[in-house]
């Protein structure tokens, strides 16, 4: 019924760390955080499914679907993003369908498939650099 002081403190620390990460993040970093959270939610769903914890599996898959629909997919600019945005949109739509099937059918293979689809995109996203904010541009010194 009651949680220990240590677990409450740890939960509060995690919440504050997450809020701080989001508040100080650039748009590029925010997308990276969405990918991290998505892959973590899928991993949690896989763990819950392997333990037979169907309720936790459903919660984790629901979180994953929301991250895709309300975060990654909603952030796409289909008018200006060209073929890349269209392809990401299709991948996100397919991923949501497979996550829904995984939830309904308790399908580990569907969860693994979505992880395999998202992981390379998440890694590629982390490898590219977004533009630096103006206040972080290198300072030019005299004679440089």
Protein backbone atom coordinates (compact mmCIF):
# COMPACT_ATOMS: atom_id res chain seq x y z
CA UNK A 1 0.00 0.00 0.00
CA UNK A 2 2.81 2.41 0.88
CA UNK A 3 6.02 2.87 -1.03
CA UNK A 4 9.35 3.34 0.65
CA UNK A 5 10.92 6.76 0.89
CA UNK A 6 13.75 5.58 -1.37
CA UNK A 7 11.44 4.44 -4.16
CA UNK A 8 9.39 7.66 -3.95
CA UNK A 9 12.59 9.71 -4.06
CA UNK A 10 13.88 7.70 -7.02
CA UNK A 11 10.59 8.18 -8.87
CA UNK A 12 10.65 11.92 -8.17
CA UNK A 13 14.26 12.13 -9.38
CA UNK A 14 13.37 10.31 -12.61
CA UNK A 15 10.40 12.62 -13.21
CA UNK A 16 12.51 15.75 -12.62
CA UNK A 17 15.35 14.44 -14.79
CA UNK A 18 12.92 13.70 -17.62
CA UNK A 19 11.29 17.13 -17.34
CA UNK A 20 14.68 18.84 -17.28
CA UNK A 21 15.82 16.88 -20.35
CA UNK A 22 12.73 17.92 -22.27
CA UNK A 23 12.84 21.57 -21.20
CA UNK A 24 16.46 22.02 -22.23
CA UNK A 25 16.29 20.00 -25.43
CA UNK A 26 16.42 21.27 -28.98
CA UNK A 27 13.74 20.06 -31.43
CA UNK A 28 16.30 17.56 -32.77
CA UNK A 29 16.98 16.26 -29.26
CA UNK A 30 13.25 16.03 -28.52
CA UNK A 31 12.80 13.63 -31.42
CA UNK A 32 15.70 11.58 -30.06
CA UNK A 33 13.98 11.48 -26.66
CA UNK A 34 10.77 10.31 -28.33
CA UNK A 35 12.64 7.48 -30.04
CA UNK A 36 14.30 6.51 -26.74
CA UNK A 37 10.96 6.49 -24.93
CA UNK A 38 9.33 4.51 -27.75
CA UNK A 39 12.00 1.81 -27.73
CA UNK A 40 11.82 1.66 -23.91
CA UNK A 41 8.03 1.26 -24.02
CA UNK A 42 8.35 -1.59 -26.54
CA UNK A 43 11.04 -3.24 -24.40
CA UNK A 44 8.76 -2.92 -21.37
CA UNK A 45 5.89 -4.47 -23.31
CA UNK A 46 8.14 -7.36 -24.36
CA UNK A 47 9.23 -7.92 -20.77
CA UNK A 48 5.66 -7.78 -19.49
CA UNK A 49 4.49 -10.21 -22.18
CA UNK A 50 7.28 -12.67 -21.37
CA UNK A 51 6.29 -12.49 -17.66
CA UNK A 52 2.63 -12.96 -18.53
CA UNK A 53 1.73 -9.53 -17.13
CA UNK A 54 -0.95 -8.69 -19.68
CA UNK A 55 -2.03 -5.49 -17.95
CA UNK A 56 1.49 -4.01 -17.96
CA UNK A 57 1.92 -5.13 -21.58
CA UNK A 58 -1.20 -3.20 -22.56
CA UNK A 59 -0.08 -0.07 -20.71
CA UNK A 60 3.36 -0.18 -22.37
CA UNK A 61 1.95 -0.75 -25.85
CA UNK A 62 -0.54 2.08 -25.30
CA UNK A 63 2.36 4.36 -24.37
CA UNK A 64 4.28 3.27 -27.49
CA UNK A 65 1.29 3.99 -29.73
CA UNK A 66 0.83 7.45 -28.18
CA UNK A 67 4.52 8.25 -28.66
CA UNK A 68 4.22 7.39 -32.33
CA UNK A 69 0.87 9.04 -33.02
CA UNK A 70 1.13 12.15 -30.84
CA UNK A 71 4.89 12.66 -31.02
CA UNK A 72 6.70 11.23 -34.02
CA UNK A 73 3.88 11.05 -36.57
CA UNK A 74 2.29 14.35 -35.53
CA UNK A 75 5.64 16.09 -35.94
CA UNK A 76 6.03 15.16 -39.60
CA UNK A 77 5.61 17.87 -42.21
CA UNK A 78 4.21 15.92 -45.14
CA UNK A 79 4.00 19.00 -47.37
CA UNK A 80 7.65 20.01 -47.06
CA UNK A 81 9.23 16.75 -45.92
CA UNK A 82 9.07 15.05 -49.30
CA UNK A 83 9.73 11.35 -49.71
CA UNK A 84 11.44 10.97 -46.33
CA UNK A 85 8.43 12.31 -44.42
CA UNK A 86 6.06 10.16 -46.49
CA UNK A 87 8.14 7.04 -45.82
CA UNK A 88 8.34 7.77 -42.09
CA UNK A 89 4.58 8.35 -42.03
CA UNK A 90 4.00 4.95 -43.64
CA UNK A 91 6.42 3.25 -41.23
CA UNK A 92 4.74 4.86 -38.22
CA UNK A 93 1.29 3.86 -39.48
CA UNK A 94 2.47 0.28 -40.02
CA UNK A 95 4.15 0.24 -36.59
CA UNK A 96 0.94 1.36 -34.86
CA UNK A 97 -0.97 -1.40 -36.68
CA UNK A 98 1.60 -4.03 -35.60
CA UNK A 99 1.62 -2.76 -32.01
CA UNK A 100 -2.17 -3.00 -31.93
CA UNK A 101 -1.96 -6.56 -33.25
CA UNK A 102 0.71 -7.37 -30.66
CA UNK A 103 -1.58 -6.11 -27.94
CA UNK A 104 -4.66 -8.00 -29.10
CA UNK A 105 -2.84 -11.24 -29.95
CA UNK A 106 -0.07 -11.15 -27.31
CA UNK A 107 2.32 -11.36 -30.24
CA UNK A 108 5.99 -11.09 -29.25
CA UNK A 109 7.09 -11.29 -32.91
CA UNK A 110 5.11 -8.13 -33.73
CA UNK A 111 6.78 -6.26 -30.86
CA UNK A 112 10.19 -7.41 -32.04
CA UNK A 113 9.37 -6.38 -35.61
CA UNK A 114 8.49 -2.84 -34.56
CA UNK A 115 11.72 -2.60 -32.57
CA UNK A 116 13.68 -3.73 -35.62
CA UNK A 117 11.94 -1.08 -37.75
CA UNK A 118 12.41 1.79 -35.31
CA UNK A 119 15.94 1.11 -33.99
CA UNK A 120 17.87 1.94 -37.20
CA UNK A 121 15.88 5.14 -37.68
CA UNK A 122 16.50 6.13 -34.05
CA UNK A 123 20.21 5.42 -34.41
CA UNK A 124 20.42 7.39 -37.65
CA UNK A 125 18.60 10.29 -36.02
CA UNK A 126 21.14 10.38 -33.20
CA UNK A 127 24.02 10.39 -35.68
CA UNK A 128 22.86 13.49 -37.51
CA UNK A 129 23.39 16.88 -35.94
CA UNK A 130 20.64 19.42 -35.80
CA UNK A 131 21.51 23.08 -36.30
CA UNK A 132 23.11 24.72 -33.28
CA UNK A 133 21.11 27.36 -31.45
CA UNK A 134 22.44 30.86 -32.20
CA UNK A 135 23.76 31.27 -28.66
CA UNK A 136 25.95 28.15 -29.06
CA UNK A 137 27.72 29.19 -32.26
CA UNK A 138 31.52 29.27 -32.01
CA UNK A 139 32.83 32.66 -31.00
CA UNK A 140 35.12 34.30 -33.56
CA UNK A 141 38.17 35.87 -32.04
CA UNK A 142 40.22 38.73 -33.41
CA UNK A 143 42.60 37.50 -36.10
CA UNK A 144 40.62 34.33 -36.69
